[in-house]
Amino acid sequence: MARFHAATITPTKADLIADWIPTQSWGPDASEGVDVIGAFRFDDPDGRVGMETHLVTTGGVTLQVPLTYRDEPLDGAEAALITEMHHSALGNRWVYDGLRDPMFVVMLAAVAMTGQGEALGMAVYEDRWYIAPTNVRIRGGGWGSERVPVDGFELATDDATASVLRNDRFELSVFRRPVPGPQPQIGLTATWEGQVDAVVLAEVRERQV
């Protein structure tokens, strides 16, 4: 479960995305405006790291922007730090590129291989719990009942074609610019209001070593 708070965030998520993605090799030209489609979240088993993937459009291109939010700096991840954010309910948060945050990659691989889906968004309002829905729906799965490792991934390449991460058994390809396509044998797709054809977010293949 992901708990949402009524809070003021500085900078806003939309602003930090718009400022950051033009600086990346897979990003748009800085002159292009950015429109947010929506987002989905993963659960942190330890309950400390916020993990959220935003889908945006810019210049006619759809981008997925995975972010993590931490309550303290991640050791050894200075190059992955995007900005420091102030959250009026949670305090200072360090915002990282999700594909360079090991916890995000673990959960991405796990969801892509099991199809268990995104975290359920919940919020408390006037002492009652409410669902905080998102218009983005994801679908994963394809692996069997065998227990498999989803940690130890290292980022090998990161460009507009695909961001490729590998561990000792699997290759995880994440598409910063997802486009419509068939459901991968093992992987993750997304749909949203107005997007009938699913776009491919990620694909997992077993390495031939």
N, C-alpha and C. Protein backbone atom coordinates (compact mmCIF):
# COMPACT_ATOMS: atom_id res chain seq x y z
N MET A 1 0.83 -1.19 0.00
CA MET A 1 0.00 0.00 0.00
C MET A 1 0.87 1.25 0.00
N ALA A 2 0.50 2.24 -0.79
CA ALA A 2 1.17 3.54 -0.79
C ALA A 2 0.23 4.56 -0.16
N ARG A 3 0.69 5.21 0.92
CA ARG A 3 -0.15 6.20 1.58
C ARG A 3 0.13 7.58 1.02
N PHE A 4 -0.93 8.27 0.62
CA PHE A 4 -0.81 9.61 0.08
C PHE A 4 -1.13 10.62 1.18
N HIS A 5 -0.39 11.72 1.20
CA HIS A 5 -0.57 12.76 2.21
C HIS A 5 -1.02 14.05 1.54
N ALA A 6 -1.90 14.78 2.25
CA ALA A 6 -2.23 16.14 1.81
C ALA A 6 -1.05 17.02 2.19
N ALA A 7 -0.29 17.46 1.19
CA ALA A 7 0.96 18.15 1.50
C ALA A 7 1.33 19.11 0.38
N THR A 8 2.19 20.06 0.74
CA THR A 8 2.82 20.95 -0.22
C THR A 8 4.21 20.42 -0.52
N ILE A 9 4.54 20.27 -1.80
CA ILE A 9 5.82 19.71 -2.21
C ILE A 9 6.58 20.76 -3.02
N THR A 10 7.84 20.99 -2.63
CA THR A 10 8.68 21.97 -3.33
C THR A 10 10.04 21.36 -3.63
N PRO A 11 10.44 21.28 -4.93
CA PRO A 11 9.63 21.60 -6.11
C PRO A 11 8.56 20.53 -6.33
N THR A 12 7.56 20.87 -7.14
CA THR A 12 6.55 19.86 -7.44
C THR A 12 7.17 18.76 -8.31
N LYS A 13 6.52 17.61 -8.32
CA LYS A 13 7.02 16.51 -9.13
C LYS A 13 7.03 16.88 -10.62
N ALA A 14 5.97 17.56 -11.07
CA ALA A 14 5.91 17.96 -12.47
C ALA A 14 7.06 18.90 -12.82
N ASP A 15 7.38 19.82 -11.91
CA ASP A 15 8.46 20.78 -12.18
C ASP A 15 9.83 20.09 -12.20
N LEU A 16 10.07 19.18 -11.26
CA LEU A 16 11.40 18.55 -11.24
C LEU A 16 11.59 17.64 -12.44
N ILE A 17 10.50 16.99 -12.90
CA ILE A 17 10.59 16.16 -14.10
C ILE A 17 10.89 17.03 -15.32
N ALA A 18 10.16 18.14 -15.44
CA ALA A 18 10.35 19.03 -16.58
C ALA A 18 11.76 19.60 -16.62
N ASP A 19 12.36 19.84 -15.45
CA ASP A 19 13.72 20.38 -15.39
C ASP A 19 14.78 19.31 -15.66
N TRP A 20 14.50 18.08 -15.23
CA TRP A 20 15.53 17.04 -15.28
C TRP A 20 15.60 16.31 -16.62
N ILE A 21 14.46 15.91 -17.19
CA ILE A 21 14.53 15.03 -18.37
C ILE A 21 15.22 15.65 -19.58
N PRO A 22 15.19 16.98 -19.80
CA PRO A 22 15.95 17.49 -20.96
C PRO A 22 17.46 17.33 -20.81
N THR A 23 17.93 17.08 -19.59
CA THR A 23 19.37 16.90 -19.37
C THR A 23 19.83 15.48 -19.64
N GLN A 24 18.88 14.57 -19.94
CA GLN A 24 19.22 13.16 -20.14
C GLN A 24 19.30 12.82 -21.63
N SER A 25 20.11 11.81 -21.95
CA SER A 25 20.31 11.44 -23.36
C SER A 25 19.02 10.96 -24.02
N TRP A 26 18.09 10.43 -23.23
CA TRP A 26 16.83 9.92 -23.76
C TRP A 26 15.71 10.96 -23.68
N GLY A 27 16.01 12.14 -23.15
CA GLY A 27 14.99 13.15 -22.89
C GLY A 27 14.69 14.03 -24.09
N PRO A 28 13.72 14.95 -23.92
CA PRO A 28 13.31 15.84 -25.00
C PRO A 28 14.18 17.09 -25.06
N ASP A 29 13.94 17.88 -26.08
CA ASP A 29 14.55 19.20 -26.16
C ASP A 29 13.99 20.07 -25.03
N ALA A 30 14.82 20.92 -24.48
CA ALA A 30 14.40 21.75 -23.34
C ALA A 30 13.25 22.69 -23.68
N SER A 31 13.05 22.97 -24.97
CA SER A 31 11.98 23.89 -25.36
C SER A 31 10.61 23.24 -25.36
N GLU A 32 10.55 21.92 -25.28
CA GLU A 32 9.27 21.21 -25.32
C GLU A 32 8.60 21.24 -23.95
N GLY A 33 7.29 21.49 -23.94
CA GLY A 33 6.53 21.42 -22.70
C GLY A 33 6.30 19.97 -22.29
N VAL A 34 6.01 19.76 -21.00
CA VAL A 34 5.79 18.42 -20.47
C VAL A 34 4.39 18.34 -19.87
N ASP A 35 3.62 17.34 -20.31
CA ASP A 35 2.29 17.09 -19.75
C ASP A 35 2.29 15.75 -19.03
N VAL A 36 1.78 15.73 -17.81
CA VAL A 36 1.76 14.51 -17.00
C VAL A 36 0.51 13.70 -17.32
N ILE A 37 0.71 12.41 -17.66
CA ILE A 37 -0.41 11.49 -17.89
C ILE A 37 -0.89 10.92 -16.57
N GLY A 38 0.02 10.45 -15.76
CA GLY A 38 -0.32 9.82 -14.49
C GLY A 38 0.89 9.09 -13.94
N ALA A 39 0.68 8.27 -12.93
CA ALA A 39 1.79 7.58 -12.28
C ALA A 39 1.30 6.30 -11.63
N PHE A 40 2.25 5.40 -11.35
CA PHE A 40 1.95 4.22 -10.55
C PHE A 40 3.10 4.01 -9.58
N ARG A 41 2.82 3.28 -8.50
CA ARG A 41 3.80 3.10 -7.43
C ARG A 41 4.06 1.63 -7.15
N PHE A 42 5.22 1.37 -6.56
CA PHE A 42 5.55 0.06 -6.02
C PHE A 42 5.69 0.16 -4.51
N ASP A 43 5.48 -0.96 -3.83
CA ASP A 43 5.67 -1.03 -2.39
C ASP A 43 7.12 -1.32 -2.04
N ASP A 44 7.65 -0.63 -1.04
CA ASP A 44 8.95 -0.96 -0.47
C ASP A 44 8.72 -1.98 0.65
N PRO A 45 9.35 -3.16 0.60
CA PRO A 45 9.15 -4.14 1.66
C PRO A 45 9.47 -3.59 3.05
N ASP A 46 10.39 -2.62 3.14
CA ASP A 46 10.76 -2.04 4.43
C ASP A 46 9.95 -0.78 4.76
N GLY A 47 9.11 -0.32 3.83
CA GLY A 47 8.23 0.80 4.11
C GLY A 47 8.89 2.15 4.21
N ARG A 48 10.08 2.33 3.64
CA ARG A 48 10.79 3.60 3.79
C ARG A 48 10.97 4.36 2.48
N VAL A 49 11.11 3.66 1.38
CA VAL A 49 11.42 4.30 0.10
C VAL A 49 10.14 4.46 -0.73
N GLY A 50 9.83 5.68 -1.12
CA GLY A 50 8.74 5.90 -2.05
C GLY A 50 9.22 5.60 -3.46
N MET A 51 8.43 4.83 -4.20
CA MET A 51 8.83 4.43 -5.57
C MET A 51 7.67 4.71 -6.51
N GLU A 52 7.89 5.61 -7.45
CA GLU A 52 6.80 6.09 -8.31
C GLU A 52 7.31 6.30 -9.73
N THR A 53 6.60 5.74 -10.70
CA THR A 53 6.92 5.95 -12.11
C THR A 53 5.88 6.88 -12.72
N HIS A 54 6.36 7.99 -13.28
CA HIS A 54 5.48 8.96 -13.93
C HIS A 54 5.50 8.73 -15.44
N LEU A 55 4.35 8.81 -16.05
CA LEU A 55 4.24 8.80 -17.50
C LEU A 55 3.90 10.21 -17.94
N VAL A 56 4.68 10.73 -18.89
CA VAL A 56 4.48 12.09 -19.37
C VAL A 56 4.55 12.10 -20.89
N THR A 57 4.04 13.15 -21.48
CA THR A 57 4.20 13.36 -22.92
C THR A 57 4.91 14.68 -23.15
N THR A 58 5.73 14.71 -24.17
CA THR A 58 6.45 15.93 -24.54
C THR A 58 6.83 15.84 -26.01
N GLY A 59 6.47 16.84 -26.76
CA GLY A 59 6.79 16.85 -28.19
C GLY A 59 6.23 15.66 -28.93
N GLY A 60 5.07 15.15 -28.51
CA GLY A 60 4.46 13.99 -29.16
C GLY A 60 5.05 12.65 -28.77
N VAL A 61 5.96 12.64 -27.79
CA VAL A 61 6.62 11.41 -27.34
C VAL A 61 6.17 11.11 -25.91
N THR A 62 5.90 9.82 -25.64
CA THR A 62 5.60 9.38 -24.29
C THR A 62 6.88 8.95 -23.61
N LEU A 63 7.07 9.37 -22.37
CA LEU A 63 8.24 8.99 -21.58
C LEU A 63 7.78 8.39 -20.26
N GLN A 64 8.55 7.41 -19.77
CA GLN A 64 8.33 6.96 -18.40
C GLN A 64 9.51 7.41 -17.56
N VAL A 65 9.19 7.97 -16.39
CA VAL A 65 10.21 8.59 -15.54
C VAL A 65 10.10 7.96 -14.14
N PRO A 66 10.89 6.92 -13.86
CA PRO A 66 10.86 6.30 -12.54
C PRO A 66 11.64 7.15 -11.53
N LEU A 67 11.02 7.43 -10.38
CA LEU A 67 11.65 8.20 -9.32
C LEU A 67 11.55 7.45 -8.00
N THR A 68 12.54 7.67 -7.14
CA THR A 68 12.43 7.21 -5.76
C THR A 68 12.59 8.41 -4.84
N TYR A 69 11.93 8.31 -3.69
CA TYR A 69 11.96 9.38 -2.68
C TYR A 69 12.48 8.76 -1.38
N ARG A 70 13.59 9.28 -0.89
CA ARG A 70 14.22 8.73 0.31
C ARG A 70 14.32 9.78 1.41
N ASP A 71 14.30 9.32 2.67
CA ASP A 71 14.36 10.25 3.80
C ASP A 71 15.79 10.59 4.20
N GLU A 72 16.76 10.00 3.50
CA GLU A 72 18.17 10.35 3.70
C GLU A 72 18.91 9.99 2.43
N PRO A 73 20.08 10.58 2.20
CA PRO A 73 20.82 10.29 0.96
C PRO A 73 21.17 8.81 0.85
N LEU A 74 21.15 8.31 -0.39
CA LEU A 74 21.52 6.93 -0.69
C LEU A 74 23.03 6.87 -0.88
N ASP A 75 23.70 6.06 -0.08
CA ASP A 75 25.16 5.97 -0.14
C ASP A 75 25.64 5.57 -1.53
N GLY A 76 26.62 6.30 -2.04
CA GLY A 76 27.24 5.97 -3.31
C GLY A 76 26.42 6.29 -4.53
N ALA A 77 25.31 7.03 -4.36
CA ALA A 77 24.42 7.30 -5.50
C ALA A 77 24.35 8.78 -5.85
N GLU A 78 25.46 9.49 -5.63
CA GLU A 78 25.45 10.93 -5.90
C GLU A 78 25.09 11.24 -7.35
N ALA A 79 25.56 10.41 -8.29
CA ALA A 79 25.28 10.67 -9.71
C ALA A 79 23.83 10.44 -10.06
N ALA A 80 23.10 9.69 -9.23
CA ALA A 80 21.70 9.40 -9.50
C ALA A 80 20.76 10.41 -8.86
N LEU A 81 21.29 11.28 -8.01
CA LEU A 81 20.45 12.26 -7.31
C LEU A 81 19.93 13.30 -8.29
N ILE A 82 18.62 13.50 -8.29
CA ILE A 82 18.00 14.50 -9.17
C ILE A 82 17.86 15.83 -8.45
N THR A 83 17.30 15.79 -7.25
CA THR A 83 17.12 17.02 -6.49
C THR A 83 16.76 16.67 -5.06
N GLU A 84 16.77 17.66 -4.21
CA GLU A 84 16.25 17.52 -2.85
C GLU A 84 14.90 18.22 -2.79
N MET A 85 13.91 17.55 -2.26
CA MET A 85 12.54 18.04 -2.23
C MET A 85 12.10 18.26 -0.79
N HIS A 86 11.28 19.29 -0.58
CA HIS A 86 10.69 19.48 0.75
C HIS A 86 9.23 19.08 0.70
N HIS A 87 8.86 18.15 1.57
CA HIS A 87 7.50 17.64 1.67
C HIS A 87 6.94 18.13 3.00
N SER A 88 5.83 18.88 2.99
CA SER A 88 5.35 19.51 4.21
C SER A 88 4.91 18.51 5.27
N ALA A 89 4.60 17.27 4.88
CA ALA A 89 4.22 16.25 5.86
C ALA A 89 5.37 15.34 6.25
N LEU A 90 6.29 15.10 5.33
CA LEU A 90 7.36 14.11 5.56
C LEU A 90 8.74 14.74 5.74
N GLY A 91 8.86 16.03 5.49
CA GLY A 91 10.16 16.69 5.62
C GLY A 91 10.98 16.61 4.34
N ASN A 92 12.29 16.68 4.48
CA ASN A 92 13.17 16.65 3.30
C ASN A 92 13.21 15.25 2.70
N ARG A 93 13.15 15.21 1.37
CA ARG A 93 13.21 13.95 0.63
C ARG A 93 14.27 14.09 -0.45
N TRP A 94 15.08 13.06 -0.61
CA TRP A 94 16.08 13.03 -1.67
C TRP A 94 15.50 12.22 -2.83
N VAL A 95 15.47 12.85 -4.01
CA VAL A 95 14.80 12.26 -5.17
C VAL A 95 15.86 11.70 -6.13
N TYR A 96 15.70 10.42 -6.50
CA TYR A 96 16.68 9.73 -7.33
C TYR A 96 16.05 9.19 -8.61
N ASP A 97 16.89 9.03 -9.62
CA ASP A 97 16.51 8.31 -10.82
C ASP A 97 16.27 6.86 -10.41
N GLY A 98 15.04 6.37 -10.61
CA GLY A 98 14.69 5.05 -10.13
C GLY A 98 15.55 3.94 -10.69
N LEU A 99 16.00 4.06 -11.94
CA LEU A 99 16.78 2.98 -12.53
C LEU A 99 18.19 2.89 -11.96
N ARG A 100 18.56 3.86 -11.13
CA ARG A 100 19.84 3.82 -10.44
C ARG A 100 19.67 3.63 -8.93
N ASP A 101 18.45 3.28 -8.53
CA ASP A 101 18.17 3.00 -7.12
C ASP A 101 17.90 1.50 -7.01
N PRO A 102 18.74 0.75 -6.31
CA PRO A 102 18.60 -0.71 -6.27
C PRO A 102 17.22 -1.18 -5.81
N MET A 103 16.60 -0.50 -4.86
CA MET A 103 15.30 -0.95 -4.36
C MET A 103 14.23 -0.84 -5.45
N PHE A 104 14.26 0.23 -6.23
CA PHE A 104 13.29 0.36 -7.31
C PHE A 104 13.47 -0.75 -8.33
N VAL A 105 14.70 -1.04 -8.69
CA VAL A 105 14.96 -2.05 -9.72
C VAL A 105 14.50 -3.43 -9.24
N VAL A 106 14.72 -3.74 -7.97
CA VAL A 106 14.23 -5.01 -7.41
C VAL A 106 12.72 -5.12 -7.59
N MET A 107 12.00 -4.06 -7.24
CA MET A 107 10.53 -4.13 -7.30
C MET A 107 10.04 -4.12 -8.74
N LEU A 108 10.71 -3.38 -9.62
CA LEU A 108 10.34 -3.38 -11.03
C LEU A 108 10.47 -4.78 -11.61
N ALA A 109 11.61 -5.42 -11.36
CA ALA A 109 11.81 -6.77 -11.87
C ALA A 109 10.79 -7.73 -11.29
N ALA A 110 10.50 -7.61 -10.00
CA ALA A 110 9.55 -8.51 -9.35
C ALA A 110 8.15 -8.36 -9.93
N VAL A 111 7.70 -7.14 -10.12
CA VAL A 111 6.37 -6.92 -10.67
C VAL A 111 6.30 -7.37 -12.13
N ALA A 112 7.35 -7.07 -12.90
CA ALA A 112 7.37 -7.47 -14.30
C ALA A 112 7.30 -8.99 -14.44
N MET A 113 7.86 -9.72 -13.48
CA MET A 113 7.93 -11.17 -13.59
C MET A 113 6.77 -11.90 -12.92
N THR A 114 6.02 -11.20 -12.07
CA THR A 114 4.91 -11.87 -11.37
C THR A 114 3.55 -11.34 -11.74
N GLY A 115 3.49 -10.09 -12.22
CA GLY A 115 2.19 -9.50 -12.54
C GLY A 115 1.39 -9.10 -11.33
N GLN A 116 2.03 -8.95 -10.17
CA GLN A 116 1.28 -8.63 -8.96
C GLN A 116 0.81 -7.17 -8.92
N GLY A 117 1.31 -6.33 -9.80
CA GLY A 117 0.74 -5.01 -9.96
C GLY A 117 1.34 -3.94 -9.07
N GLU A 118 0.77 -2.73 -9.22
CA GLU A 118 1.27 -1.58 -8.50
C GLU A 118 0.71 -1.54 -7.08
N ALA A 119 1.31 -0.67 -6.25
CA ALA A 119 0.82 -0.47 -4.89
C ALA A 119 -0.55 0.21 -4.93
N LEU A 120 -1.42 -0.19 -4.01
CA LEU A 120 -2.73 0.45 -3.89
C LEU A 120 -2.56 1.78 -3.20
N GLY A 121 -3.01 2.87 -3.83
CA GLY A 121 -2.92 4.19 -3.24
C GLY A 121 -4.06 4.44 -2.26
N MET A 122 -3.72 4.87 -1.05
CA MET A 122 -4.72 5.13 -0.01
C MET A 122 -4.42 6.48 0.64
N ALA A 123 -5.47 7.13 1.15
CA ALA A 123 -5.31 8.41 1.84
C ALA A 123 -6.35 8.51 2.95
N VAL A 124 -5.99 9.24 4.02
CA VAL A 124 -6.91 9.47 5.12
C VAL A 124 -7.47 10.88 5.00
N TYR A 125 -8.80 10.98 5.06
CA TYR A 125 -9.46 12.28 5.00
C TYR A 125 -10.58 12.29 6.03
N GLU A 126 -10.50 13.24 6.99
CA GLU A 126 -11.49 13.35 8.06
C GLU A 126 -11.70 12.01 8.76
N ASP A 127 -10.55 11.38 9.11
CA ASP A 127 -10.51 10.13 9.87
C ASP A 127 -11.11 8.93 9.14
N ARG A 128 -11.20 8.99 7.83
CA ARG A 128 -11.66 7.84 7.06
C ARG A 128 -10.64 7.52 5.96
N TRP A 129 -10.52 6.23 5.63
CA TRP A 129 -9.62 5.81 4.56
C TRP A 129 -10.33 5.87 3.22
N TYR A 130 -9.61 6.41 2.23
CA TYR A 130 -10.14 6.49 0.87
C TYR A 130 -9.11 5.94 -0.11
N ILE A 131 -9.59 5.36 -1.21
CA ILE A 131 -8.71 4.97 -2.30
C ILE A 131 -8.28 6.22 -3.05
N ALA A 132 -6.98 6.29 -3.37
CA ALA A 132 -6.44 7.38 -4.18
C ALA A 132 -6.05 6.79 -5.53
N PRO A 133 -7.00 6.65 -6.45
CA PRO A 133 -6.73 5.90 -7.68
C PRO A 133 -5.85 6.67 -8.65
N THR A 134 -5.22 5.93 -9.55
CA THR A 134 -4.49 6.51 -10.66
C THR A 134 -5.12 6.04 -11.96
N ASN A 135 -5.02 6.85 -13.00
CA ASN A 135 -5.61 6.44 -14.27
C ASN A 135 -4.68 5.51 -15.06
N VAL A 136 -3.47 5.25 -14.55
CA VAL A 136 -2.53 4.35 -15.21
C VAL A 136 -2.71 2.95 -14.64
N ARG A 137 -2.83 1.96 -15.54
CA ARG A 137 -2.93 0.57 -15.12
C ARG A 137 -1.78 -0.22 -15.73
N ILE A 138 -1.11 -1.01 -14.91
CA ILE A 138 0.01 -1.79 -15.42
C ILE A 138 -0.31 -3.28 -15.35
N ARG A 139 0.39 -4.03 -16.19
CA ARG A 139 0.21 -5.48 -16.24
C ARG A 139 1.57 -6.12 -16.45
N GLY A 140 1.90 -7.09 -15.62
CA GLY A 140 3.16 -7.80 -15.75
C GLY A 140 2.93 -9.30 -15.70
N GLY A 141 4.02 -10.04 -15.68
CA GLY A 141 3.90 -11.47 -15.50
C GLY A 141 4.50 -12.28 -16.62
N GLY A 142 4.56 -13.57 -16.41
CA GLY A 142 5.09 -14.47 -17.41
C GLY A 142 5.97 -15.54 -16.84
N TRP A 143 6.54 -15.33 -15.64
CA TRP A 143 7.40 -16.33 -15.05
C TRP A 143 6.55 -17.39 -14.37
N GLY A 144 7.14 -18.53 -14.09
CA GLY A 144 6.43 -19.62 -13.45
C GLY A 144 6.53 -19.55 -11.94
N SER A 145 6.46 -20.70 -11.29
CA SER A 145 6.45 -20.77 -9.83
C SER A 145 7.84 -20.90 -9.22
N GLU A 146 8.87 -20.94 -10.07
CA GLU A 146 10.24 -21.08 -9.55
C GLU A 146 10.67 -19.81 -8.84
N ARG A 147 11.40 -19.97 -7.74
CA ARG A 147 11.95 -18.82 -7.03
C ARG A 147 13.17 -18.32 -7.79
N VAL A 148 13.16 -17.03 -8.15
CA VAL A 148 14.25 -16.49 -8.97
C VAL A 148 14.77 -15.20 -8.35
N PRO A 149 16.06 -14.86 -8.59
CA PRO A 149 16.65 -13.65 -8.01
C PRO A 149 16.24 -12.39 -8.78
N VAL A 150 15.87 -11.36 -8.02
CA VAL A 150 15.51 -10.08 -8.66
C VAL A 150 16.35 -8.93 -8.11
N ASP A 151 17.49 -9.27 -7.51
CA ASP A 151 18.41 -8.23 -7.04
C ASP A 151 19.72 -8.32 -7.83
N GLY A 152 20.66 -7.46 -7.48
CA GLY A 152 21.98 -7.51 -8.11
C GLY A 152 22.05 -6.96 -9.51
N PHE A 153 21.03 -6.23 -9.95
CA PHE A 153 21.05 -5.66 -11.30
C PHE A 153 22.01 -4.46 -11.35
N GLU A 154 22.73 -4.36 -12.44
CA GLU A 154 23.59 -3.21 -12.71
C GLU A 154 23.21 -2.61 -14.05
N LEU A 155 23.20 -1.28 -14.11
CA LEU A 155 22.82 -0.58 -15.33
C LEU A 155 23.96 -0.63 -16.33
N ALA A 156 23.69 -1.22 -17.52
CA ALA A 156 24.72 -1.36 -18.55
C ALA A 156 24.64 -0.25 -19.57
N THR A 157 23.42 0.08 -20.05
CA THR A 157 23.23 1.17 -21.00
C THR A 157 21.96 1.93 -20.64
N ASP A 158 21.92 3.20 -21.02
CA ASP A 158 20.77 4.04 -20.70
C ASP A 158 20.62 5.09 -21.79
N ASP A 159 19.73 4.82 -22.76
CA ASP A 159 19.54 5.77 -23.84
C ASP A 159 18.10 5.70 -24.34
N ALA A 160 17.82 6.39 -25.43
CA ALA A 160 16.45 6.47 -25.93
C ALA A 160 15.94 5.14 -26.48
N THR A 161 16.86 4.23 -26.81
CA THR A 161 16.44 2.91 -27.30
C THR A 161 15.96 2.04 -26.15
N ALA A 162 16.78 1.85 -25.15
CA ALA A 162 16.42 1.07 -23.96
C ALA A 162 17.48 1.26 -22.89
N SER A 163 17.03 1.18 -21.65
CA SER A 163 17.94 1.13 -20.52
C SER A 163 18.06 -0.34 -20.14
N VAL A 164 19.26 -0.88 -20.20
CA VAL A 164 19.46 -2.32 -20.00
C VAL A 164 20.19 -2.54 -18.68
N LEU A 165 19.58 -3.38 -17.84
CA LEU A 165 20.16 -3.75 -16.56
C LEU A 165 20.34 -5.26 -16.53
N ARG A 166 21.42 -5.73 -15.91
CA ARG A 166 21.70 -7.16 -15.87
C ARG A 166 22.10 -7.60 -14.47
N ASN A 167 21.62 -8.79 -14.08
CA ASN A 167 22.20 -9.48 -12.94
C ASN A 167 22.79 -10.79 -13.43
N ASP A 168 23.07 -11.71 -12.54
CA ASP A 168 23.77 -12.92 -12.99
C ASP A 168 22.88 -13.87 -13.78
N ARG A 169 21.57 -13.59 -13.85
CA ARG A 169 20.68 -14.51 -14.56
C ARG A 169 19.79 -13.83 -15.60
N PHE A 170 19.43 -12.55 -15.35
CA PHE A 170 18.44 -11.92 -16.21
C PHE A 170 18.94 -10.60 -16.81
N GLU A 171 18.34 -10.25 -17.93
CA GLU A 171 18.53 -8.94 -18.54
C GLU A 171 17.18 -8.23 -18.51
N LEU A 172 17.15 -7.06 -17.90
CA LEU A 172 15.94 -6.26 -17.76
C LEU A 172 16.07 -5.02 -18.65
N SER A 173 15.23 -4.93 -19.66
CA SER A 173 15.23 -3.77 -20.56
C SER A 173 14.06 -2.87 -20.20
N VAL A 174 14.37 -1.62 -19.92
CA VAL A 174 13.35 -0.64 -19.55
C VAL A 174 13.32 0.42 -20.64
N PHE A 175 12.13 0.72 -21.13
CA PHE A 175 11.99 1.63 -22.26
C PHE A 175 11.59 3.00 -21.77
N ARG A 176 12.57 3.91 -21.76
CA ARG A 176 12.29 5.28 -21.32
C ARG A 176 11.25 5.93 -22.23
N ARG A 177 11.21 5.49 -23.50
CA ARG A 177 10.22 5.99 -24.46
C ARG A 177 9.32 4.83 -24.88
N PRO A 178 8.37 4.43 -24.03
CA PRO A 178 7.53 3.27 -24.34
C PRO A 178 6.60 3.53 -25.51
N VAL A 179 6.41 2.51 -26.32
CA VAL A 179 5.51 2.59 -27.47
C VAL A 179 4.59 1.38 -27.46
N PRO A 180 3.43 1.44 -28.13
CA PRO A 180 2.52 0.30 -28.16
C PRO A 180 3.18 -0.94 -28.75
N GLY A 181 2.84 -2.08 -28.20
CA GLY A 181 3.38 -3.34 -28.68
C GLY A 181 2.74 -4.50 -27.95
N PRO A 182 2.98 -5.71 -28.39
CA PRO A 182 2.40 -6.88 -27.74
C PRO A 182 2.99 -7.09 -26.34
N GLN A 183 2.22 -7.73 -25.48
CA GLN A 183 2.70 -8.06 -24.14
C GLN A 183 3.94 -8.95 -24.26
N PRO A 184 5.08 -8.54 -23.66
CA PRO A 184 6.26 -9.40 -23.71
C PRO A 184 5.99 -10.73 -23.02
N GLN A 185 6.75 -11.74 -23.39
CA GLN A 185 6.62 -13.03 -22.73
C GLN A 185 6.81 -12.88 -21.23
N ILE A 186 7.81 -12.09 -20.85
CA ILE A 186 7.98 -11.68 -19.45
C ILE A 186 8.24 -10.18 -19.48
N GLY A 187 7.37 -9.41 -18.87
CA GLY A 187 7.57 -7.96 -18.93
C GLY A 187 6.41 -7.19 -18.36
N LEU A 188 6.39 -5.89 -18.64
CA LEU A 188 5.44 -4.97 -18.03
C LEU A 188 4.88 -4.03 -19.10
N THR A 189 3.55 -3.87 -19.10
CA THR A 189 2.89 -2.93 -20.01
C THR A 189 1.98 -2.00 -19.22
N ALA A 190 1.54 -0.93 -19.89
CA ALA A 190 0.66 0.04 -19.23
C ALA A 190 -0.40 0.54 -20.21
N THR A 191 -1.56 0.85 -19.66
CA THR A 191 -2.62 1.55 -20.39
C THR A 191 -3.13 2.68 -19.51
N TRP A 192 -3.84 3.62 -20.12
CA TRP A 192 -4.47 4.70 -19.37
C TRP A 192 -5.62 5.24 -20.20
N GLU A 193 -6.37 6.13 -19.60
CA GLU A 193 -7.53 6.69 -20.29
C GLU A 193 -7.09 7.35 -21.60
N GLY A 194 -7.71 6.92 -22.70
CA GLY A 194 -7.36 7.44 -24.02
C GLY A 194 -6.27 6.65 -24.70
N GLN A 195 -5.62 5.73 -23.99
CA GLN A 195 -4.57 4.88 -24.57
C GLN A 195 -5.06 3.44 -24.54
N VAL A 196 -5.73 3.04 -25.62
CA VAL A 196 -6.33 1.72 -25.67
C VAL A 196 -5.27 0.64 -25.84
N ASP A 197 -4.31 0.89 -26.72
CA ASP A 197 -3.25 -0.08 -26.97
C ASP A 197 -2.16 0.04 -25.91
N ALA A 198 -1.85 -1.07 -25.26
CA ALA A 198 -0.86 -1.05 -24.19
C ALA A 198 0.52 -0.67 -24.72
N VAL A 199 1.25 0.11 -23.93
CA VAL A 199 2.64 0.42 -24.26
C VAL A 199 3.54 -0.49 -23.43
N VAL A 200 4.68 -0.84 -23.99
CA VAL A 200 5.61 -1.76 -23.31
C VAL A 200 6.58 -0.94 -22.48
N LEU A 201 6.54 -1.16 -21.16
CA LEU A 201 7.42 -0.45 -20.24
C LEU A 201 8.75 -1.17 -20.02
N ALA A 202 8.69 -2.51 -19.93
CA ALA A 202 9.89 -3.28 -19.60
C ALA A 202 9.75 -4.70 -20.11
N GLU A 203 10.91 -5.32 -20.33
CA GLU A 203 10.93 -6.71 -20.76
C GLU A 203 12.08 -7.42 -20.05
N VAL A 204 11.84 -8.65 -19.64
CA VAL A 204 12.85 -9.45 -18.95
C VAL A 204 13.17 -10.66 -19.80
N ARG A 205 14.46 -10.92 -19.97
CA ARG A 205 14.90 -12.11 -20.69
C ARG A 205 15.95 -12.82 -19.85
N GLU A 206 15.96 -14.15 -19.95
CA GLU A 206 17.00 -14.90 -19.27
C GLU A 206 18.28 -14.81 -20.08
N ARG A 207 19.38 -14.53 -19.41
CA ARG A 207 20.65 -14.37 -20.10
C ARG A 207 21.20 -15.71 -20.57
N GLN A 208 21.81 -15.68 -21.73
CA GLN A 208 22.49 -16.86 -22.26
C GLN A 208 23.97 -16.73 -21.95
N VAL A 209 24.40 -17.39 -20.88
CA VAL A 209 25.81 -17.28 -20.45
C VAL A 209 26.44 -18.65 -20.41
